[in-house]
Amino acid sequence: MSSGHRRLASVTKVLTTHVNAARHRDALSLFSRMLSAPDLPPPTDPSFAHAFPLAIKSATALRVPRAAAFFHAFADKCGLLSSPFLASALIASYGAGASRELARRLFDELPARNAVVWSAMISVHVRAGDLAAAASALDTMDVAPTASCFNTVIAAVADSGEHPTRAIEVYRHMRRVGVAPSFITLLALVPACTAMGALTSVKEVHGFAVRHGMSSRSHIGSSLIEAYGRCGSLASAQRVFDQVQDRDVVVWSSLVSAYAFHGRAEVAMSLFRQMKDQDDVRPDSIMFLSLLAACAHSGHADDALQYFDVLTKRYGVEACGDHYSCLVDVLGRAGRLNQAYDLIRTMPVKVTAKAWGALLAACRKYGEVGLAEIAGRALFEMEPENAGNFVSLANIYSGRGMHEDAERVRREMEQRGVQRLPGSSWMIHRKSSC
């Protein structure tokens, strides 16, 4: 290797450091100097193909106008488009600039495409929200696919929340063509199994993770625990938990949440105590929510108040709107409606619709009209198009025999143009005039 090439490799490392640290202006400035540096090879040298993608990434991050077109023309002039890494960076840049057509045109014009280039094009389709095109590209690849190609589609399908079964189908296709799922594959796949509530699929993914030594890793373990919990298999969730090495707060929170979800408050609270004693893990905001949810499902209002105090004061966990809303729900379920309302009035964070909704639901359960009116009016302003709030208040009135007030809420709903939710019914009973 010549001294110029060694110097180029050294400077490219500095360029990489700038990009990875998000110092994109510094990166572009350095790249500009590299192009004319007398002690470096000219940009037509194939070694420069490693620096171009880094500059493209920084220009894309800074949203430099027509960055992809500029680098495309310059790389073409330098004869470097044969580099798959440079080509994939250009495709990604076009896609980030909402120019999917230009990305596709470049993709089609490339003299050679490898899995890296295909993966970039698939990612552009995903970014544009066209999962059908992404899946089609995956099926029509003319080179051997890699796990990365499949992972992009699986993650996109799982994140979309629509038709999670398709994520499982892509995973099975991946296995059929002989591509081994990676750690990233499983991380993307387990949430899809959770969304489906498909215990068989969870076991299938878990089995692969066990056979390839991934199930004991905390990230996979916490996802599997949540999946098993959602499917109602607490014994399986517990077994995964017991096998996880280096359990962190996410793993502990997943198991606490699983038991809380199924009303096993005593076990959930016992786990919290074990977490402190066994692994010396500090609770976080997710654990906080899981404990409050456990208390809500079991009616342990005093325990919820104690946890709220301990976690905020002793452990310094900052309570957000969701925590306060959950505490309102706990107090409301326990029939402590005035205490729940006082909490709403005095909470130091912005009151959310969740908090008012929890109070309104509790008022309906206990037939409390006065606080229901306050909660209902607040919700009408915060969620003017949510028919459920109008329905709930009207039903509370009807349950107390206040039919004229229920009718008034119905008329107000109609005047505001709020559409009733499918399947909702108004429990309004008019007295006979006979």
Protein backbone atom coordinates (compact mmCIF):
# COMPACT_ATOMS: atom_id res chain seq x y z
CA MET A 1 0.00 0.00 0.00
CA SER A 2 1.39 3.39 -1.00
CA SER A 3 1.82 6.22 1.49
CA GLY A 4 -1.07 8.07 -0.20
CA HIS A 5 -3.41 5.13 0.28
CA ARG A 6 -2.34 4.72 3.91
CA ARG A 7 -3.02 8.43 4.42
CA LEU A 8 -6.46 8.04 2.76
CA ALA A 9 -7.33 5.12 5.06
CA SER A 10 -6.31 7.18 8.09
CA VAL A 11 -8.34 10.22 7.06
CA THR A 12 -11.35 8.02 6.21
CA LYS A 13 -11.26 6.74 9.80
CA VAL A 14 -11.48 10.33 11.04
CA LEU A 15 -14.36 10.90 8.62
CA THR A 16 -16.12 7.82 10.02
CA THR A 17 -15.70 9.18 13.56
CA HIS A 18 -17.32 12.49 12.57
CA VAL A 19 -20.29 10.73 10.95
CA ASN A 20 -20.84 8.30 13.83
CA ALA A 21 -20.76 11.20 16.30
CA ALA A 22 -23.29 13.13 14.16
CA ARG A 23 -20.72 15.85 13.43
CA HIS A 24 -22.03 16.02 9.90
CA ARG A 25 -20.81 19.52 9.02
CA ASP A 26 -17.31 18.59 10.12
CA ALA A 27 -17.60 15.42 8.05
CA LEU A 28 -18.58 17.27 4.88
CA SER A 29 -15.86 19.85 5.43
CA LEU A 30 -13.25 17.12 5.81
CA PHE A 31 -14.54 15.26 2.74
CA SER A 32 -14.31 18.45 0.69
CA ARG A 33 -10.65 18.86 1.71
CA MET A 34 -9.96 15.22 0.91
CA LEU A 35 -11.04 15.69 -2.70
CA SER A 36 -8.24 18.17 -3.40
CA ALA A 37 -5.60 17.07 -0.90
CA PRO A 38 -2.26 16.66 -2.73
CA ASP A 39 -1.08 13.86 -0.43
CA LEU A 40 -4.16 11.69 -1.13
CA PRO A 41 -5.07 9.65 -4.22
CA PRO A 42 -7.53 11.38 -6.59
CA PRO A 43 -11.28 10.78 -6.08
CA THR A 44 -11.26 8.51 -9.14
CA ASP A 45 -9.21 6.02 -7.14
CA PRO A 46 -11.34 2.96 -6.12
CA SER A 47 -10.25 3.46 -2.50
CA PHE A 48 -12.29 6.67 -2.42
CA ALA A 49 -15.45 4.55 -2.71
CA HIS A 50 -15.22 3.99 1.06
CA ALA A 51 -15.32 7.72 1.83
CA PHE A 52 -18.18 8.64 -0.48
CA PRO A 53 -20.93 6.76 1.45
CA LEU A 54 -19.89 8.54 4.64
CA ALA A 55 -20.19 11.97 3.01
CA ILE A 56 -23.51 10.97 1.46
CA LYS A 57 -24.82 9.95 4.88
CA SER A 58 -23.87 13.30 6.42
CA ALA A 59 -25.32 15.30 3.52
CA THR A 60 -28.56 13.32 3.83
CA ALA A 61 -28.69 13.88 7.58
CA LEU A 62 -28.26 17.63 7.06
CA ARG A 63 -30.90 17.56 4.30
CA VAL A 64 -28.59 19.26 1.85
CA PRO A 65 -30.72 20.11 -1.23
CA ARG A 66 -30.19 17.66 -4.11
CA ALA A 67 -27.43 15.94 -2.17
CA ALA A 68 -28.15 12.54 -3.72
CA ALA A 69 -28.17 13.97 -7.27
CA PHE A 70 -24.86 15.79 -6.71
CA PHE A 71 -23.05 12.77 -5.27
CA HIS A 72 -24.61 10.53 -7.91
CA ALA A 73 -23.25 12.68 -10.75
CA PHE A 74 -19.85 13.09 -9.07
CA ALA A 75 -19.46 9.38 -8.33
CA ASP A 76 -20.48 8.54 -11.88
CA LYS A 77 -17.88 10.97 -13.23
CA CYS A 78 -15.26 9.34 -11.02
CA GLY A 79 -16.30 5.88 -12.23
CA LEU A 80 -17.14 4.61 -8.74
CA LEU A 81 -20.76 3.51 -9.17
CA SER A 82 -19.64 -0.09 -9.40
CA SER A 83 -19.05 0.00 -5.64
CA PRO A 84 -22.12 -1.60 -4.03
CA PHE A 85 -21.60 0.33 -0.80
CA LEU A 86 -21.54 3.66 -2.62
CA ALA A 87 -24.52 2.69 -4.77
CA SER A 88 -26.56 1.57 -1.76
CA ALA A 89 -25.74 4.85 0.02
CA LEU A 90 -27.02 6.80 -2.99
CA ILE A 91 -30.21 4.72 -3.15
CA ALA A 92 -30.80 5.33 0.55
CA SER A 93 -30.17 9.05 0.11
CA TYR A 94 -32.67 9.29 -2.76
CA GLY A 95 -35.20 7.41 -0.65
CA ALA A 96 -34.67 9.68 2.35
CA GLY A 97 -35.40 12.64 0.11
CA ALA A 98 -38.74 11.16 -0.93
CA SER A 99 -37.36 10.42 -4.42
CA ARG A 100 -38.21 6.74 -4.64
CA GLU A 101 -38.49 6.92 -8.42
CA LEU A 102 -34.92 8.23 -8.71
CA ALA A 103 -33.73 5.56 -6.29
CA ARG A 104 -35.40 2.92 -8.44
CA ARG A 105 -33.94 4.39 -11.64
CA LEU A 106 -30.43 4.24 -10.20
CA PHE A 107 -31.08 0.73 -8.93
CA ASP A 108 -32.19 -0.41 -12.39
CA GLU A 109 -29.18 1.22 -14.12
CA LEU A 110 -26.52 -0.35 -11.90
CA PRO A 111 -24.33 -2.78 -13.81
CA ALA A 112 -24.20 -5.17 -10.84
CA ARG A 113 -26.33 -5.49 -7.76
CA ASN A 114 -25.49 -7.45 -4.65
CA ALA A 115 -27.51 -8.10 -1.50
CA VAL A 116 -26.38 -4.78 0.01
CA VAL A 117 -27.87 -2.85 -2.92
CA TRP A 118 -31.07 -4.90 -2.85
CA SER A 119 -31.37 -4.30 0.90
CA ALA A 120 -31.06 -0.54 0.33
CA MET A 121 -33.84 -0.60 -2.29
CA ILE A 122 -36.07 -2.67 -0.04
CA SER A 123 -35.49 -0.14 2.75
CA VAL A 124 -36.54 2.69 0.40
CA HIS A 125 -39.85 0.92 -0.26
CA VAL A 126 -40.34 0.42 3.47
CA ARG A 127 -39.58 4.07 4.19
CA ALA A 128 -42.22 5.05 1.63
CA GLY A 129 -44.74 2.83 3.42
CA ASP A 130 -45.05 0.48 0.44
CA LEU A 131 -44.69 -2.88 2.16
CA ALA A 132 -46.10 -4.69 -0.87
CA ALA A 133 -43.28 -3.35 -3.05
CA ALA A 134 -40.74 -4.27 -0.37
CA ALA A 135 -42.05 -7.83 -0.18
CA SER A 136 -42.13 -8.06 -3.98
CA ALA A 137 -38.51 -6.92 -4.20
CA LEU A 138 -37.58 -9.54 -1.64
CA ASP A 139 -39.22 -12.23 -3.79
CA THR A 140 -37.57 -11.11 -7.04
CA MET A 141 -33.96 -10.76 -5.87
CA ASP A 142 -31.51 -12.10 -8.45
CA VAL A 143 -28.79 -12.65 -5.85
CA ALA A 144 -28.68 -14.65 -2.65
CA PRO A 145 -30.52 -12.63 0.04
CA THR A 146 -29.04 -11.89 3.44
CA ALA A 147 -30.70 -11.69 6.83
CA SER A 148 -30.62 -7.91 6.53
CA CYS A 149 -32.93 -8.00 3.47
CA PHE A 150 -35.53 -10.00 5.40
CA ASN A 151 -35.08 -8.10 8.65
CA THR A 152 -36.07 -4.81 7.03
CA VAL A 153 -39.39 -6.23 5.84
CA ILE A 154 -40.13 -8.16 9.04
CA ALA A 155 -39.48 -5.09 11.21
CA ALA A 156 -41.61 -2.88 8.96
CA VAL A 157 -44.55 -5.29 8.99
CA ALA A 158 -44.30 -5.73 12.76
CA ASP A 159 -44.07 -1.98 13.37
CA SER A 160 -47.06 -1.26 11.13
CA GLY A 161 -49.32 -3.22 13.46
CA GLU A 162 -51.32 -4.39 10.44
CA HIS A 163 -51.49 -8.07 9.51
CA PRO A 164 -48.73 -9.23 11.88
CA THR A 165 -49.13 -12.73 10.45
CA ARG A 166 -47.23 -11.47 7.40
CA ALA A 167 -44.14 -11.01 9.56
CA ILE A 168 -44.32 -14.70 10.47
CA GLU A 169 -44.77 -15.60 6.79
CA VAL A 170 -41.65 -13.63 5.82
CA TYR A 171 -39.73 -15.34 8.64
CA ARG A 172 -40.77 -18.78 7.37
CA HIS A 173 -39.86 -17.80 3.82
CA MET A 174 -36.47 -16.76 5.18
CA ARG A 175 -36.01 -20.19 6.71
CA ARG A 176 -37.16 -21.98 3.54
CA VAL A 177 -34.55 -20.28 1.35
CA GLY A 178 -31.82 -21.14 3.81
CA VAL A 179 -31.14 -17.72 5.34
CA ALA A 180 -30.45 -17.98 9.05
CA PRO A 181 -32.42 -15.49 11.18
CA SER A 182 -30.25 -13.20 13.22
CA PHE A 183 -30.62 -11.61 16.62
CA ILE A 184 -32.16 -8.58 14.87
CA THR A 185 -34.68 -10.86 13.14
CA LEU A 186 -35.97 -12.22 16.41
CA LEU A 187 -36.14 -8.79 18.03
CA ALA A 188 -38.39 -7.64 15.18
CA LEU A 189 -40.41 -10.85 15.05
CA VAL A 190 -41.43 -11.39 18.66
CA PRO A 191 -43.57 -8.21 18.86
CA ALA A 192 -45.52 -9.48 15.83
CA CYS A 193 -46.16 -12.75 17.65
CA THR A 194 -47.26 -10.74 20.68
CA ALA A 195 -49.67 -8.68 18.58
CA MET A 196 -51.22 -11.86 17.17
CA GLY A 197 -51.45 -13.54 20.56
CA ALA A 198 -50.31 -16.68 18.75
CA LEU A 199 -48.76 -19.00 21.31
CA THR A 200 -47.65 -21.48 18.62
CA SER A 201 -45.68 -18.77 16.79
CA VAL A 202 -44.10 -17.55 20.02
CA LYS A 203 -42.97 -21.10 20.78
CA GLU A 204 -41.59 -21.45 17.24
CA VAL A 205 -39.46 -18.33 17.59
CA HIS A 206 -38.47 -19.24 21.14
CA GLY A 207 -37.34 -22.68 19.96
CA PHE A 208 -35.07 -21.14 17.33
CA ALA A 209 -33.65 -18.72 19.92
CA VAL A 210 -32.90 -21.59 22.30
CA ARG A 211 -31.22 -23.73 19.61
CA HIS A 212 -28.98 -20.83 18.61
CA GLY A 213 -28.11 -19.61 22.09
CA MET A 214 -30.06 -16.35 21.91
CA SER A 215 -32.83 -16.92 24.46
CA SER A 216 -30.62 -16.10 27.43
CA ARG A 217 -29.85 -12.60 26.13
CA SER A 218 -31.81 -9.93 27.93
CA HIS A 219 -33.31 -8.21 24.87
CA ILE A 220 -34.75 -11.42 23.42
CA GLY A 221 -35.68 -12.69 26.87
CA SER A 222 -37.73 -9.63 27.78
CA SER A 223 -39.58 -9.78 24.43
CA LEU A 224 -40.37 -13.47 24.87
CA ILE A 225 -41.55 -12.91 28.44
CA GLU A 226 -43.94 -10.21 27.25
CA ALA A 227 -45.15 -12.40 24.38
CA TYR A 228 -45.84 -15.38 26.61
CA GLY A 229 -47.53 -13.12 29.13
CA ARG A 230 -49.87 -11.68 26.51
CA CYS A 231 -50.70 -15.20 25.37
CA GLY A 232 -51.57 -16.19 28.94
CA SER A 233 -48.68 -18.62 29.40
CA LEU A 234 -47.24 -17.32 32.65
CA ALA A 235 -45.37 -20.56 33.31
CA SER A 236 -43.48 -20.17 30.03
CA ALA A 237 -42.80 -16.51 30.78
CA GLN A 238 -41.36 -17.51 34.14
CA ARG A 239 -39.16 -20.20 32.54
CA VAL A 240 -37.71 -17.71 30.07
CA PHE A 241 -37.06 -15.29 32.92
CA ASP A 242 -35.25 -17.95 34.93
CA GLN A 243 -32.94 -18.70 31.99
CA VAL A 244 -32.00 -15.10 31.16
CA GLN A 245 -28.49 -14.13 32.15
CA ASP A 246 -27.68 -10.67 33.48
CA ARG A 247 -31.30 -9.73 34.06
CA ASP A 248 -31.80 -5.99 33.74
CA VAL A 249 -34.76 -3.82 34.69
CA VAL A 250 -36.41 -4.44 31.29
CA VAL A 251 -36.46 -8.19 31.90
CA TRP A 252 -37.82 -7.75 35.42
CA SER A 253 -40.44 -5.26 34.21
CA SER A 254 -41.59 -7.65 31.50
CA LEU A 255 -42.29 -10.39 34.04
CA VAL A 256 -43.96 -8.01 36.49
CA SER A 257 -46.13 -6.71 33.64
CA ALA A 258 -47.07 -10.25 32.59
CA TYR A 259 -48.33 -11.14 36.06
CA ALA A 260 -50.03 -7.76 36.46
CA PHE A 261 -51.81 -8.18 33.10
CA HIS A 262 -53.43 -11.34 34.43
CA GLY A 263 -54.38 -9.91 37.82
CA ARG A 264 -51.60 -11.66 39.77
CA ALA A 265 -50.84 -8.59 41.85
CA GLU A 266 -49.29 -10.41 44.79
CA VAL A 267 -46.76 -12.14 42.54
CA ALA A 268 -46.01 -8.89 40.70
CA MET A 269 -45.34 -7.04 43.94
CA SER A 270 -43.26 -9.93 45.26
CA LEU A 271 -41.12 -9.78 42.12
CA PHE A 272 -40.44 -6.11 42.74
CA ARG A 273 -39.06 -6.95 46.16
CA GLN A 274 -36.97 -9.79 44.73
CA MET A 275 -35.56 -7.49 42.07
CA LYS A 276 -34.14 -5.20 44.71
CA ASP A 277 -32.78 -8.03 46.87
CA GLN A 278 -31.41 -10.45 44.24
CA ASP A 279 -30.07 -8.39 41.36
CA ASP A 280 -29.85 -4.94 42.94
CA VAL A 281 -31.63 -3.49 39.90
CA ARG A 282 -33.06 0.01 40.16
CA PRO A 283 -36.65 0.33 38.97
CA ASP A 284 -37.48 2.54 36.00
CA SER A 285 -40.63 4.21 34.69
CA ILE A 286 -41.85 1.02 32.95
CA MET A 287 -41.55 -0.98 36.16
CA PHE A 288 -43.39 1.86 37.86
CA LEU A 289 -46.32 1.53 35.42
CA SER A 290 -46.35 -2.26 35.75
CA LEU A 291 -46.66 -2.07 39.53
CA LEU A 292 -49.43 0.49 39.36
CA ALA A 293 -51.28 -1.65 36.82
CA ALA A 294 -50.97 -4.65 39.13
CA CYS A 295 -52.44 -2.63 41.97
CA ALA A 296 -55.27 -1.39 39.74
CA HIS A 297 -56.33 -4.89 38.71
CA SER A 298 -56.35 -6.12 42.28
CA GLY A 299 -57.74 -3.08 44.10
CA HIS A 300 -54.57 -2.42 46.13
CA ALA A 301 -54.97 1.35 46.29
CA ASP A 302 -52.87 1.83 49.43
CA ASP A 303 -50.04 -0.22 47.93
CA ALA A 304 -50.19 1.90 44.78
CA LEU A 305 -49.86 5.08 46.81
CA GLN A 306 -46.92 3.60 48.70
CA TYR A 307 -45.16 2.54 45.48
CA PHE A 308 -45.77 5.96 44.02
CA ASP A 309 -44.12 7.57 47.03
CA VAL A 310 -41.19 5.13 47.20
CA LEU A 311 -40.39 5.17 43.50
CA THR A 312 -40.47 8.93 43.13
CA LYS A 313 -38.76 9.86 46.40
CA ARG A 314 -36.40 7.00 47.16
CA TYR A 315 -35.48 5.94 43.63
CA GLY A 316 -35.93 9.26 41.87
CA VAL A 317 -38.16 7.88 39.12
CA GLU A 318 -39.88 10.85 37.50
CA ALA A 319 -43.63 10.40 37.36
CA CYS A 320 -45.18 11.35 34.02
CA GLY A 321 -48.77 11.72 32.88
CA ASP A 322 -49.18 7.97 32.38
CA HIS A 323 -48.16 7.26 35.97
CA TYR A 324 -50.62 9.77 37.35
CA SER A 325 -53.36 8.48 35.05
CA CYS A 326 -52.71 4.95 36.26
CA LEU A 327 -52.88 6.09 39.89
CA VAL A 328 -56.19 7.84 39.17
CA ASP A 329 -57.40 4.53 37.74
CA VAL A 330 -56.26 2.64 40.87
CA LEU A 331 -58.07 5.04 43.19
CA GLY A 332 -61.16 5.10 40.98
CA ARG A 333 -61.44 1.32 40.81
CA ALA A 334 -61.19 1.22 44.60
CA GLY A 335 -64.11 3.66 44.89
CA ARG A 336 -61.97 6.51 46.19
CA LEU A 337 -63.36 8.95 43.66
CA ASN A 338 -62.81 12.18 45.55
CA GLN A 339 -59.20 11.23 46.19
CA ALA A 340 -58.79 10.47 42.48
CA TYR A 341 -60.27 13.86 41.58
CA ASP A 342 -58.01 15.64 44.08
CA LEU A 343 -55.03 13.92 42.45
CA ILE A 344 -56.11 15.22 39.03
CA ARG A 345 -56.47 18.76 40.38
CA THR A 346 -53.06 18.76 42.06
CA MET A 347 -50.85 16.66 39.77
CA PRO A 348 -47.73 18.61 38.73
CA VAL A 349 -47.90 17.45 35.10
CA LYS A 350 -50.42 18.19 32.39
CA VAL A 351 -53.65 16.29 32.95
CA THR A 352 -54.26 13.84 30.11
CA ALA A 353 -57.44 12.43 28.63
CA LYS A 354 -56.40 9.08 30.15
CA ALA A 355 -56.70 10.52 33.65
CA TRP A 356 -60.12 12.06 33.05
CA GLY A 357 -61.21 8.88 31.26
CA ALA A 358 -60.20 6.75 34.22
CA LEU A 359 -62.21 9.00 36.55
CA LEU A 360 -65.24 8.92 34.25
CA ALA A 361 -65.11 5.12 34.08
CA ALA A 362 -64.96 4.93 37.88
CA CYS A 363 -67.90 7.32 38.17
CA ARG A 364 -69.92 5.08 35.90
CA LYS A 365 -69.05 2.04 38.01
CA TYR A 366 -70.10 3.73 41.25
CA GLY A 367 -72.92 5.91 39.90
CA GLU A 368 -71.23 9.21 40.87
CA VAL A 369 -72.94 11.93 38.83
CA GLY A 370 -71.23 15.11 40.06
CA LEU A 371 -67.65 14.09 39.30
CA ALA A 372 -68.82 12.36 36.12
CA GLU A 373 -70.09 15.70 34.83
CA ILE A 374 -66.74 17.35 35.58
CA ALA A 375 -64.79 14.55 33.93
CA GLY A 376 -67.14 14.40 30.98
CA ARG A 377 -66.95 18.13 30.28
CA ALA A 378 -63.16 18.02 30.44
CA LEU A 379 -63.11 15.14 27.98
CA PHE A 380 -65.55 16.85 25.61
CA GLU A 381 -63.02 19.66 25.25
CA MET A 382 -59.93 17.46 25.06
CA GLU A 383 -61.42 14.83 22.74
CA PRO A 384 -64.29 16.58 20.94
CA GLU A 385 -64.67 13.76 18.40
CA ASN A 386 -64.61 10.84 20.84
CA ALA A 387 -68.19 9.57 20.96
CA GLY A 388 -67.36 7.18 23.80
CA ASN A 389 -67.12 10.02 26.30
CA PHE A 390 -70.60 11.27 25.42
CA VAL A 391 -71.97 7.73 25.58
CA SER A 392 -70.43 7.13 29.00
CA LEU A 393 -71.84 10.30 30.55
CA ALA A 394 -75.27 9.68 29.04
CA ASN A 395 -75.27 6.15 30.41
CA ILE A 396 -74.34 7.42 33.87
CA TYR A 397 -77.30 9.80 33.77
CA SER A 398 -79.60 7.03 32.56
CA GLY A 399 -78.39 4.68 35.28
CA ARG A 400 -79.49 7.22 37.87
CA GLY A 401 -82.83 7.82 36.20
CA MET A 402 -81.80 11.28 34.91
CA HIS A 403 -83.25 10.75 31.44
CA GLU A 404 -83.60 14.41 30.51
CA ASP A 405 -79.90 14.98 31.19
CA ALA A 406 -79.03 11.90 29.14
CA GLU A 407 -81.14 13.24 26.28
CA ARG A 408 -79.39 16.61 26.57
CA VAL A 409 -75.97 14.97 26.18
CA ARG A 410 -77.26 13.07 23.15
CA ARG A 411 -78.47 16.28 21.53
CA GLU A 412 -75.15 17.99 22.28
CA MET A 413 -73.34 15.13 20.64
CA GLU A 414 -75.49 15.47 17.53
CA GLN A 415 -75.04 19.25 17.44
CA ARG A 416 -71.26 18.82 17.55
CA GLY A 417 -71.46 16.36 14.68
CA VAL A 418 -69.86 13.56 16.68
CA GLN A 419 -70.46 10.16 15.12
CA ARG A 420 -71.54 7.30 17.35
CA LEU A 421 -69.16 4.41 17.61
CA PRO A 422 -70.29 1.17 15.93
CA GLY A 423 -72.02 -1.07 18.40
CA SER A 424 -72.73 1.66 20.96
CA SER A 425 -76.19 2.14 22.25
CA TRP A 426 -77.87 4.85 24.25
CA MET A 427 -79.45 3.55 27.42
CA ILE A 428 -82.13 6.24 27.48
CA HIS A 429 -85.55 5.33 28.78
CA ARG A 430 -88.38 7.81 28.43
CA LYS A 431 -91.23 7.61 30.86
CA SER A 432 -94.55 6.78 29.33
CA SER A 433 -96.89 9.72 28.93
CA CYS A 434 -99.90 7.55 29.79
